[in-house]
Amino acid sequence: MKDIEDHDIAILDFSKTTSVDDSAALAIEQLMNTAMDGDSACIVMGLSGEVADVLRSLMVLREIPNEHFADNLDEAISLSKRILHESRATA
Protein backbone atom coordinates (compact mmCIF):
# COMPACT_ATOMS: atom_id res chain seq x y z
CA MET A 1 0.00 0.00 0.00
CA LYS A 2 3.01 2.27 0.26
CA ASP A 3 2.77 2.87 -3.50
CA ILE A 4 -0.52 4.74 -3.13
CA GLU A 5 1.23 7.48 -1.16
CA ASP A 6 3.25 8.35 -4.27
CA HIS A 7 0.14 9.58 -6.11
CA ASP A 8 -1.70 12.87 -5.82
CA ILE A 9 -5.09 11.24 -6.32
CA ALA A 10 -6.44 7.72 -5.90
CA ILE A 11 -9.64 6.80 -7.74
CA LEU A 12 -11.37 3.86 -6.11
CA ASP A 13 -13.62 2.33 -8.77
CA PHE A 14 -16.58 0.40 -7.38
CA SER A 15 -18.59 0.43 -10.62
CA LYS A 16 -18.33 -3.34 -11.13
CA THR A 17 -18.24 -4.31 -7.46
CA THR A 18 -21.28 -6.35 -6.48
CA SER A 19 -20.49 -7.16 -2.84
CA VAL A 20 -18.07 -6.34 -0.06
CA ASP A 21 -17.71 -8.19 3.21
CA ASP A 22 -16.48 -6.69 6.48
CA SER A 23 -12.86 -7.75 5.90
CA ALA A 24 -12.78 -6.17 2.45
CA ALA A 25 -14.39 -3.01 3.82
CA LEU A 26 -11.67 -2.72 6.46
CA ALA A 27 -8.98 -3.23 3.79
CA ILE A 28 -10.57 -0.48 1.69
CA GLU A 29 -10.60 1.80 4.73
CA GLN A 30 -6.92 1.09 5.35
CA LEU A 31 -6.11 1.83 1.72
CA MET A 32 -7.96 5.16 1.86
CA ASN A 33 -6.31 6.10 5.15
CA THR A 34 -2.88 5.31 3.74
CA ALA A 35 -3.59 7.49 0.73
CA MET A 36 -4.85 10.40 2.80
CA ASP A 37 -1.99 10.10 5.31
CA GLY A 38 0.33 10.53 2.33
CA ASP A 39 -1.60 13.68 1.27
CA SER A 40 -3.33 11.92 -1.61
CA ALA A 41 -6.94 12.75 -2.34
CA CYS A 42 -9.37 9.86 -2.69
CA ILE A 43 -12.20 9.81 -5.20
CA VAL A 44 -14.86 7.14 -4.85
CA MET A 45 -16.39 6.21 -8.19
CA GLY A 46 -19.43 4.14 -9.13
CA LEU A 47 -20.51 3.36 -5.58
CA SER A 48 -24.07 2.10 -5.23
CA GLY A 49 -26.36 -0.55 -3.82
CA GLU A 50 -25.23 -3.11 -1.29
CA VAL A 51 -21.59 -2.07 -1.53
CA ALA A 52 -22.47 1.53 -0.64
CA ASP A 53 -24.67 0.32 2.22
CA VAL A 54 -21.91 -1.86 3.71
CA LEU A 55 -19.20 0.81 3.43
CA ARG A 56 -21.46 3.47 4.89
CA SER A 57 -22.73 1.27 7.72
CA LEU A 58 -19.15 0.48 8.73
CA MET A 59 -18.28 4.19 8.40
CA VAL A 60 -15.48 3.38 5.96
CA LEU A 61 -16.26 6.52 3.95
CA ARG A 62 -16.47 8.97 6.85
CA GLU A 63 -13.25 10.80 5.87
CA ILE A 64 -14.15 11.17 2.19
CA PRO A 65 -15.69 14.59 1.42
CA ASN A 66 -19.10 14.42 -0.26
CA GLU A 67 -17.71 16.24 -3.30
CA HIS A 68 -15.17 13.41 -3.82
CA PHE A 69 -17.81 10.96 -5.07
CA ALA A 70 -18.25 10.44 -8.81
CA ASP A 71 -20.77 8.37 -10.75
CA ASN A 72 -18.47 7.46 -13.64
CA LEU A 73 -14.92 7.75 -14.97
CA ASP A 74 -15.53 11.01 -16.82
CA GLU A 75 -16.76 12.63 -13.61
CA ALA A 76 -13.84 11.17 -11.64
CA ILE A 77 -11.31 12.53 -14.14
CA SER A 78 -12.95 15.95 -14.13
CA LEU A 79 -12.98 15.96 -10.35
CA SER A 80 -9.32 14.89 -10.27
CA LYS A 81 -8.35 17.78 -12.50
CA ARG A 82 -10.24 20.23 -10.30
CA ILE A 83 -8.65 18.88 -7.11
CA LEU A 84 -5.16 19.07 -8.64
CA HIS A 85 -5.78 22.59 -9.90
CA GLU A 86 -7.06 23.72 -6.48
CA SER A 87 -4.19 22.09 -4.59
CA ARG A 88 -1.60 23.71 -6.87
CA ALA A 89 -3.31 27.10 -6.57
CA THR A 90 -3.05 26.98 -2.77
CA ALA A 91 0.51 25.59 -2.69
C-alpha atoms as a PDB file:
ATOM      1  CA  MET A   1       0.000   0.000   0.000  1.00  0.00           C
ATOM      2  CA  LYS A   2       3.007   2.266   0.261  1.00  0.00           C
ATOM      3  CA  ASP A   3       2.774   2.873  -3.502  1.00  0.00           C
ATOM      4  CA  ILE A   4      -0.517   4.737  -3.132  1.00  0.00           C
ATOM      5  CA  GLU A   5       1.233   7.484  -1.158  1.00  0.00           C
ATOM      6  CA  ASP A   6       3.251   8.354  -4.266  1.00  0.00           C
ATOM      7  CA  HIS A   7       0.139   9.579  -6.106  1.00  0.00           C
ATOM      8  CA  ASP A   8      -1.698  12.873  -5.816  1.00  0.00           C
ATOM      9  CA  ILE A   9      -5.095  11.242  -6.321  1.00  0.00           C
ATOM     10  CA  ALA A  10      -6.444   7.724  -5.898  1.00  0.00           C
ATOM     11  CA  ILE A  11      -9.642   6.804  -7.739  1.00  0.00           C
ATOM     12  CA  LEU A  12     -11.371   3.863  -6.108  1.00  0.00           C
ATOM     13  CA  ASP A  13     -13.623   2.333  -8.768  1.00  0.00           C
ATOM     14  CA  PHE A  14     -16.581   0.397  -7.383  1.00  0.00           C
ATOM     15  CA  SER A  15     -18.586   0.435 -10.617  1.00  0.00           C
ATOM     16  CA  LYS A  16     -18.335  -3.338 -11.126  1.00  0.00           C
ATOM     17  CA  THR A  17     -18.245  -4.312  -7.456  1.00  0.00           C
ATOM     18  CA  THR A  18     -21.283  -6.348  -6.476  1.00  0.00           C
ATOM     19  CA  SER A  19     -20.493  -7.159  -2.841  1.00  0.00           C
ATOM     20  CA  VAL A  20     -18.068  -6.338  -0.061  1.00  0.00           C
ATOM     21  CA  ASP A  21     -17.709  -8.192   3.211  1.00  0.00           C
ATOM     22  CA  ASP A  22     -16.476  -6.690   6.479  1.00  0.00           C
ATOM     23  CA  SER A  23     -12.860  -7.752   5.898  1.00  0.00           C
ATOM     24  CA  ALA A  24     -12.778  -6.173   2.454  1.00  0.00           C
ATOM     25  CA  ALA A  25     -14.390  -3.012   3.818  1.00  0.00           C
ATOM     26  CA  LEU A  26     -11.669  -2.721   6.457  1.00  0.00           C
ATOM     27  CA  ALA A  27      -8.979  -3.231   3.794  1.00  0.00           C
ATOM     28  CA  ILE A  28     -10.575  -0.481   1.691  1.00  0.00           C
ATOM     29  CA  GLU A  29     -10.602   1.802   4.725  1.00  0.00           C
ATOM     30  CA  GLN A  30      -6.920   1.087   5.351  1.00  0.00           C
ATOM     31  CA  LEU A  31      -6.115   1.826   1.717  1.00  0.00           C
ATOM     32  CA  MET A  32      -7.961   5.155   1.856  1.00  0.00           C
ATOM     33  CA  ASN A  33      -6.313   6.104   5.151  1.00  0.00           C
ATOM     34  CA  THR A  34      -2.875   5.308   3.745  1.00  0.00           C
ATOM     35  CA  ALA A  35      -3.588   7.490   0.727  1.00  0.00           C
ATOM     36  CA  MET A  36      -4.849  10.401   2.801  1.00  0.00           C
ATOM     37  CA  ASP A  37      -1.995  10.098   5.314  1.00  0.00           C
ATOM     38  CA  GLY A  38       0.330  10.534   2.334  1.00  0.00           C
ATOM     39  CA  ASP A  39      -1.598  13.682   1.273  1.00  0.00           C
ATOM     40  CA  SER A  40      -3.330  11.921  -1.611  1.00  0.00           C
ATOM     41  CA  ALA A  41      -6.942  12.755  -2.341  1.00  0.00           C
ATOM     42  CA  CYS A  42      -9.369   9.857  -2.690  1.00  0.00           C
ATOM     43  CA  ILE A  43     -12.195   9.812  -5.199  1.00  0.00           C
ATOM     44  CA  VAL A  44     -14.856   7.143  -4.848  1.00  0.00           C
ATOM     45  CA  MET A  45     -16.388   6.208  -8.190  1.00  0.00           C
ATOM     46  CA  GLY A  46     -19.428   4.142  -9.127  1.00  0.00           C
ATOM     47  CA  LEU A  47     -20.507   3.358  -5.580  1.00  0.00           C
ATOM     48  CA  SER A  48     -24.071   2.103  -5.229  1.00  0.00           C
ATOM     49  CA  GLY A  49     -26.360  -0.547  -3.819  1.00  0.00           C
ATOM     50  CA  GLU A  50     -25.234  -3.114  -1.285  1.00  0.00           C
ATOM     51  CA  VAL A  51     -21.590  -2.067  -1.529  1.00  0.00           C
ATOM     52  CA  ALA A  52     -22.466   1.531  -0.641  1.00  0.00           C
ATOM     53  CA  ASP A  53     -24.669   0.318   2.217  1.00  0.00           C
ATOM     54  CA  VAL A  54     -21.910  -1.859   3.705  1.00  0.00           C
ATOM     55  CA  LEU A  55     -19.200   0.808   3.433  1.00  0.00           C
ATOM     56  CA  ARG A  56     -21.461   3.475   4.894  1.00  0.00           C
ATOM     57  CA  SER A  57     -22.728   1.269   7.721  1.00  0.00           C
ATOM     58  CA  LEU A  58     -19.147   0.478   8.727  1.00  0.00           C
ATOM     59  CA  MET A  59     -18.277   4.193   8.403  1.00  0.00           C
ATOM     60  CA  VAL A  60     -15.480   3.385   5.960  1.00  0.00           C
ATOM     61  CA  LEU A  61     -16.263   6.522   3.947  1.00  0.00           C
ATOM     62  CA  ARG A  62     -16.468   8.973   6.849  1.00  0.00           C
ATOM     63  CA  GLU A  63     -13.246  10.796   5.868  1.00  0.00           C
ATOM     64  CA  ILE A  64     -14.152  11.173   2.190  1.00  0.00           C
ATOM     65  CA  PRO A  65     -15.692  14.588   1.423  1.00  0.00           C
ATOM     66  CA  ASN A  66     -19.099  14.422  -0.265  1.00  0.00           C
ATOM     67  CA  GLU A  67     -17.711  16.238  -3.299  1.00  0.00           C
ATOM     68  CA  HIS A  68     -15.171  13.413  -3.825  1.00  0.00           C
ATOM     69  CA  PHE A  69     -17.806  10.962  -5.071  1.00  0.00           C
ATOM     70  CA  ALA A  70     -18.254  10.441  -8.812  1.00  0.00           C
ATOM     71  CA  ASP A  71     -20.767   8.373 -10.748  1.00  0.00           C
ATOM     72  CA  ASN A  72     -18.467   7.458 -13.642  1.00  0.00           C
ATOM     73  CA  LEU A  73     -14.917   7.748 -14.974  1.00  0.00           C
ATOM     74  CA  ASP A  74     -15.525  11.014 -16.823  1.00  0.00           C
ATOM     75  CA  GLU A  75     -16.761  12.633 -13.605  1.00  0.00           C
ATOM     76  CA  ALA A  76     -13.840  11.172 -11.642  1.00  0.00           C
ATOM     77  CA  ILE A  77     -11.306  12.528 -14.139  1.00  0.00           C
ATOM     78  CA  SER A  78     -12.946  15.949 -14.133  1.00  0.00           C
ATOM     79  CA  LEU A  79     -12.983  15.961 -10.352  1.00  0.00           C
ATOM     80  CA  SER A  80      -9.320  14.885 -10.267  1.00  0.00           C
ATOM     81  CA  LYS A  81      -8.352  17.779 -12.500  1.00  0.00           C
ATOM     82  CA  ARG A  82     -10.245  20.228 -10.300  1.00  0.00           C
ATOM     83  CA  ILE A  83      -8.650  18.876  -7.108  1.00  0.00           C
ATOM     84  CA  LEU A  84      -5.163  19.065  -8.640  1.00  0.00           C
ATOM     85  CA  HIS A  85      -5.780  22.592  -9.896  1.00  0.00           C
ATOM     86  CA  GLU A  86      -7.063  23.718  -6.481  1.00  0.00           C
ATOM     87  CA  SER A  87      -4.190  22.094  -4.595  1.00  0.00           C
ATOM     88  CA  ARG A  88      -1.597  23.713  -6.866  1.00  0.00           C
ATOM     89  CA  ALA A  89      -3.306  27.101  -6.573  1.00  0.00           C
ATOM     90  CA  THR A  90      -3.052  26.981  -2.775  1.00  0.00           C
ATOM     91  CA  ALA A  91       0.511  25.589  -2.693  1.00  0.00           C
END
